[in-house]
Amino acid sequence: MSFEISRGVPIPESTRGENYPFGELEPGDSFAVDVKKRKSIQAGVSRYQRNHEGTEFVTRTMEDGTVRIWRTK
């Protein structure tokens, strides 16, 4: 097996964590996602809070079948 070695290829920016607009929210702002994304959104909230000290979020399942995420800090 052989591989072609490349040099000087720039590394693209990471898209991890950009699935949801956490960084765009101010305290009091919220957005909603389908309830099927509940585990994904909870993992995203945890990851964002871990990497952005001082931010806090609250998630609630709504009657319309969505999960709403509020930034509280």
N, C-alpha and C. Protein backbone atom coordinates (compact mmCIF):
# COMPACT_ATOMS: atom_id res chain seq x y z
N MET A 1 0.85 -1.17 0.00
CA MET A 1 0.00 0.00 0.00
C MET A 1 0.90 1.24 0.00
N SER A 2 0.57 2.19 -0.84
CA SER A 2 1.37 3.42 -0.87
C SER A 2 0.46 4.63 -0.71
N PHE A 3 1.04 5.68 -0.19
CA PHE A 3 0.32 6.93 0.04
C PHE A 3 1.07 8.06 -0.62
N GLU A 4 0.33 9.02 -1.13
CA GLU A 4 0.94 10.22 -1.68
C GLU A 4 1.11 11.21 -0.53
N ILE A 5 2.32 11.65 -0.28
CA ILE A 5 2.60 12.61 0.78
C ILE A 5 2.42 14.02 0.21
N SER A 6 1.68 14.85 0.92
CA SER A 6 1.45 16.23 0.50
C SER A 6 2.02 17.17 1.54
N ARG A 7 2.57 18.27 1.08
CA ARG A 7 3.08 19.31 1.98
C ARG A 7 2.42 20.63 1.63
N GLY A 8 2.23 21.45 2.65
CA GLY A 8 1.70 22.78 2.42
C GLY A 8 0.19 22.84 2.20
N VAL A 9 -0.52 21.77 2.51
CA VAL A 9 -1.98 21.79 2.38
C VAL A 9 -2.55 22.40 3.66
N PRO A 10 -3.27 23.54 3.54
CA PRO A 10 -3.80 24.20 4.74
C PRO A 10 -4.89 23.36 5.42
N ILE A 11 -4.93 23.44 6.74
CA ILE A 11 -5.94 22.74 7.52
C ILE A 11 -7.20 23.60 7.53
N PRO A 12 -8.35 23.06 7.12
CA PRO A 12 -9.58 23.86 7.13
C PRO A 12 -10.04 24.15 8.56
N GLU A 13 -10.79 25.24 8.71
CA GLU A 13 -11.35 25.58 10.02
C GLU A 13 -12.27 24.47 10.49
N SER A 14 -12.28 24.25 11.80
CA SER A 14 -13.15 23.24 12.38
C SER A 14 -14.60 23.70 12.33
N THR A 15 -15.50 22.78 12.05
CA THR A 15 -16.92 23.08 12.07
C THR A 15 -17.58 22.48 13.31
N ARG A 16 -16.81 21.82 14.13
CA ARG A 16 -17.36 21.20 15.33
C ARG A 16 -17.96 22.27 16.24
N GLY A 17 -19.15 21.99 16.73
CA GLY A 17 -19.80 22.91 17.65
C GLY A 17 -20.55 24.02 16.95
N GLU A 18 -20.51 24.04 15.63
CA GLU A 18 -21.20 25.09 14.90
C GLU A 18 -22.56 24.63 14.39
N ASN A 19 -23.02 23.50 14.85
CA ASN A 19 -24.33 23.00 14.44
C ASN A 19 -25.46 23.83 15.02
N TYR A 20 -25.22 24.43 16.15
CA TYR A 20 -26.23 25.22 16.85
C TYR A 20 -25.68 26.61 17.13
N PRO A 21 -26.55 27.62 17.22
CA PRO A 21 -26.09 29.01 17.33
C PRO A 21 -25.79 29.49 18.75
N PHE A 22 -25.14 28.66 19.57
CA PHE A 22 -24.87 29.05 20.95
C PHE A 22 -24.12 30.38 21.05
N GLY A 23 -23.13 30.57 20.21
CA GLY A 23 -22.31 31.78 20.26
C GLY A 23 -23.04 33.04 19.86
N GLU A 24 -24.16 32.91 19.19
CA GLU A 24 -24.93 34.08 18.75
C GLU A 24 -25.94 34.53 19.79
N LEU A 25 -26.20 33.69 20.80
CA LEU A 25 -27.23 34.00 21.79
C LEU A 25 -26.72 34.96 22.86
N GLU A 26 -27.57 35.92 23.20
CA GLU A 26 -27.35 36.78 24.36
C GLU A 26 -28.23 36.23 25.48
N PRO A 27 -27.91 36.53 26.75
CA PRO A 27 -28.79 36.07 27.83
C PRO A 27 -30.24 36.49 27.57
N GLY A 28 -31.15 35.52 27.71
CA GLY A 28 -32.57 35.74 27.45
C GLY A 28 -33.01 35.27 26.08
N ASP A 29 -32.06 35.09 25.13
CA ASP A 29 -32.38 34.59 23.80
C ASP A 29 -32.59 33.08 23.84
N SER A 30 -33.34 32.56 22.87
CA SER A 30 -33.57 31.11 22.78
C SER A 30 -33.75 30.69 21.34
N PHE A 31 -33.66 29.39 21.11
CA PHE A 31 -33.97 28.80 19.81
C PHE A 31 -34.54 27.41 20.07
N ALA A 32 -35.20 26.85 19.06
CA ALA A 32 -35.86 25.55 19.22
C ALA A 32 -35.35 24.56 18.19
N VAL A 33 -35.31 23.29 18.58
CA VAL A 33 -34.97 22.19 17.66
C VAL A 33 -36.00 21.08 17.87
N ASP A 34 -36.09 20.18 16.89
CA ASP A 34 -36.99 19.05 17.00
C ASP A 34 -36.61 18.20 18.20
N VAL A 35 -37.60 17.67 18.89
CA VAL A 35 -37.36 16.88 20.10
C VAL A 35 -36.46 15.67 19.82
N LYS A 36 -36.42 15.20 18.58
CA LYS A 36 -35.55 14.08 18.23
C LYS A 36 -34.07 14.43 18.38
N LYS A 37 -33.75 15.71 18.44
CA LYS A 37 -32.37 16.17 18.59
C LYS A 37 -31.99 16.42 20.05
N ARG A 38 -32.84 16.00 20.99
CA ARG A 38 -32.63 16.31 22.41
C ARG A 38 -31.24 15.90 22.91
N LYS A 39 -30.83 14.68 22.64
CA LYS A 39 -29.51 14.22 23.14
C LYS A 39 -28.39 15.01 22.48
N SER A 40 -28.52 15.28 21.20
CA SER A 40 -27.50 16.05 20.48
C SER A 40 -27.39 17.46 21.05
N ILE A 41 -28.52 18.10 21.31
CA ILE A 41 -28.49 19.47 21.80
C ILE A 41 -27.94 19.52 23.22
N GLN A 42 -28.28 18.53 24.05
CA GLN A 42 -27.75 18.51 25.41
C GLN A 42 -26.24 18.32 25.40
N ALA A 43 -25.74 17.47 24.52
CA ALA A 43 -24.29 17.29 24.40
C ALA A 43 -23.64 18.58 23.90
N GLY A 44 -24.29 19.25 22.95
CA GLY A 44 -23.76 20.51 22.43
C GLY A 44 -23.71 21.59 23.49
N VAL A 45 -24.75 21.68 24.31
CA VAL A 45 -24.78 22.65 25.40
C VAL A 45 -23.64 22.38 26.37
N SER A 46 -23.47 21.13 26.76
CA SER A 46 -22.40 20.78 27.70
C SER A 46 -21.03 21.13 27.15
N ARG A 47 -20.80 20.81 25.88
CA ARG A 47 -19.52 21.09 25.24
C ARG A 47 -19.28 22.60 25.16
N TYR A 48 -20.31 23.35 24.78
CA TYR A 48 -20.16 24.80 24.66
C TYR A 48 -19.85 25.42 26.02
N GLN A 49 -20.58 25.02 27.05
CA GLN A 49 -20.34 25.57 28.40
C GLN A 49 -18.94 25.23 28.91
N ARG A 50 -18.47 24.04 28.60
CA ARG A 50 -17.14 23.63 29.02
C ARG A 50 -16.07 24.51 28.37
N ASN A 51 -16.30 24.90 27.12
CA ASN A 51 -15.32 25.69 26.38
C ASN A 51 -15.52 27.19 26.48
N HIS A 52 -16.63 27.63 27.08
CA HIS A 52 -16.94 29.06 27.21
C HIS A 52 -17.38 29.33 28.65
N GLU A 53 -16.40 29.43 29.52
CA GLU A 53 -16.66 29.61 30.95
C GLU A 53 -17.58 30.79 31.20
N GLY A 54 -18.53 30.60 32.11
CA GLY A 54 -19.45 31.66 32.49
C GLY A 54 -20.77 31.65 31.72
N THR A 55 -20.88 30.81 30.69
CA THR A 55 -22.16 30.72 29.98
C THR A 55 -23.01 29.64 30.62
N GLU A 56 -24.32 29.87 30.62
CA GLU A 56 -25.26 28.88 31.14
C GLU A 56 -26.48 28.83 30.24
N PHE A 57 -27.03 27.63 30.08
CA PHE A 57 -28.19 27.40 29.24
C PHE A 57 -29.20 26.55 29.99
N VAL A 58 -30.47 26.68 29.61
CA VAL A 58 -31.55 25.86 30.14
C VAL A 58 -32.29 25.28 28.94
N THR A 59 -32.63 23.99 29.00
CA THR A 59 -33.42 23.37 27.93
C THR A 59 -34.74 22.88 28.51
N ARG A 60 -35.77 23.01 27.71
CA ARG A 60 -37.10 22.53 28.10
C ARG A 60 -37.78 21.89 26.89
N THR A 61 -38.48 20.78 27.13
CA THR A 61 -39.29 20.17 26.09
C THR A 61 -40.63 20.91 26.05
N MET A 62 -41.01 21.35 24.86
CA MET A 62 -42.21 22.15 24.69
C MET A 62 -43.37 21.26 24.21
N GLU A 63 -44.59 21.76 24.37
CA GLU A 63 -45.78 21.01 23.97
C GLU A 63 -45.87 20.81 22.46
N ASP A 64 -45.18 21.64 21.69
CA ASP A 64 -45.28 21.54 20.22
C ASP A 64 -44.29 20.52 19.63
N GLY A 65 -43.61 19.74 20.49
CA GLY A 65 -42.69 18.71 20.00
C GLY A 65 -41.28 19.23 19.71
N THR A 66 -40.94 20.36 20.29
CA THR A 66 -39.59 20.90 20.15
C THR A 66 -38.91 20.95 21.50
N VAL A 67 -37.61 21.10 21.45
CA VAL A 67 -36.82 21.40 22.64
C VAL A 67 -36.33 22.83 22.47
N ARG A 68 -36.60 23.67 23.44
CA ARG A 68 -36.17 25.07 23.38
C ARG A 68 -35.00 25.26 24.32
N ILE A 69 -34.00 26.00 23.83
CA ILE A 69 -32.77 26.24 24.58
C ILE A 69 -32.66 27.74 24.82
N TRP A 70 -32.55 28.13 26.08
CA TRP A 70 -32.37 29.53 26.47
C TRP A 70 -30.96 29.72 27.00
N ARG A 71 -30.35 30.84 26.64
CA ARG A 71 -29.10 31.23 27.30
C ARG A 71 -29.50 32.06 28.50
N THR A 72 -29.00 31.68 29.68
CA THR A 72 -29.34 32.40 30.91
C THR A 72 -28.20 33.26 31.42
N LYS A 73 -26.96 32.95 31.04
CA LYS A 73 -25.78 33.75 31.42
C LYS A 73 -24.84 33.82 30.25
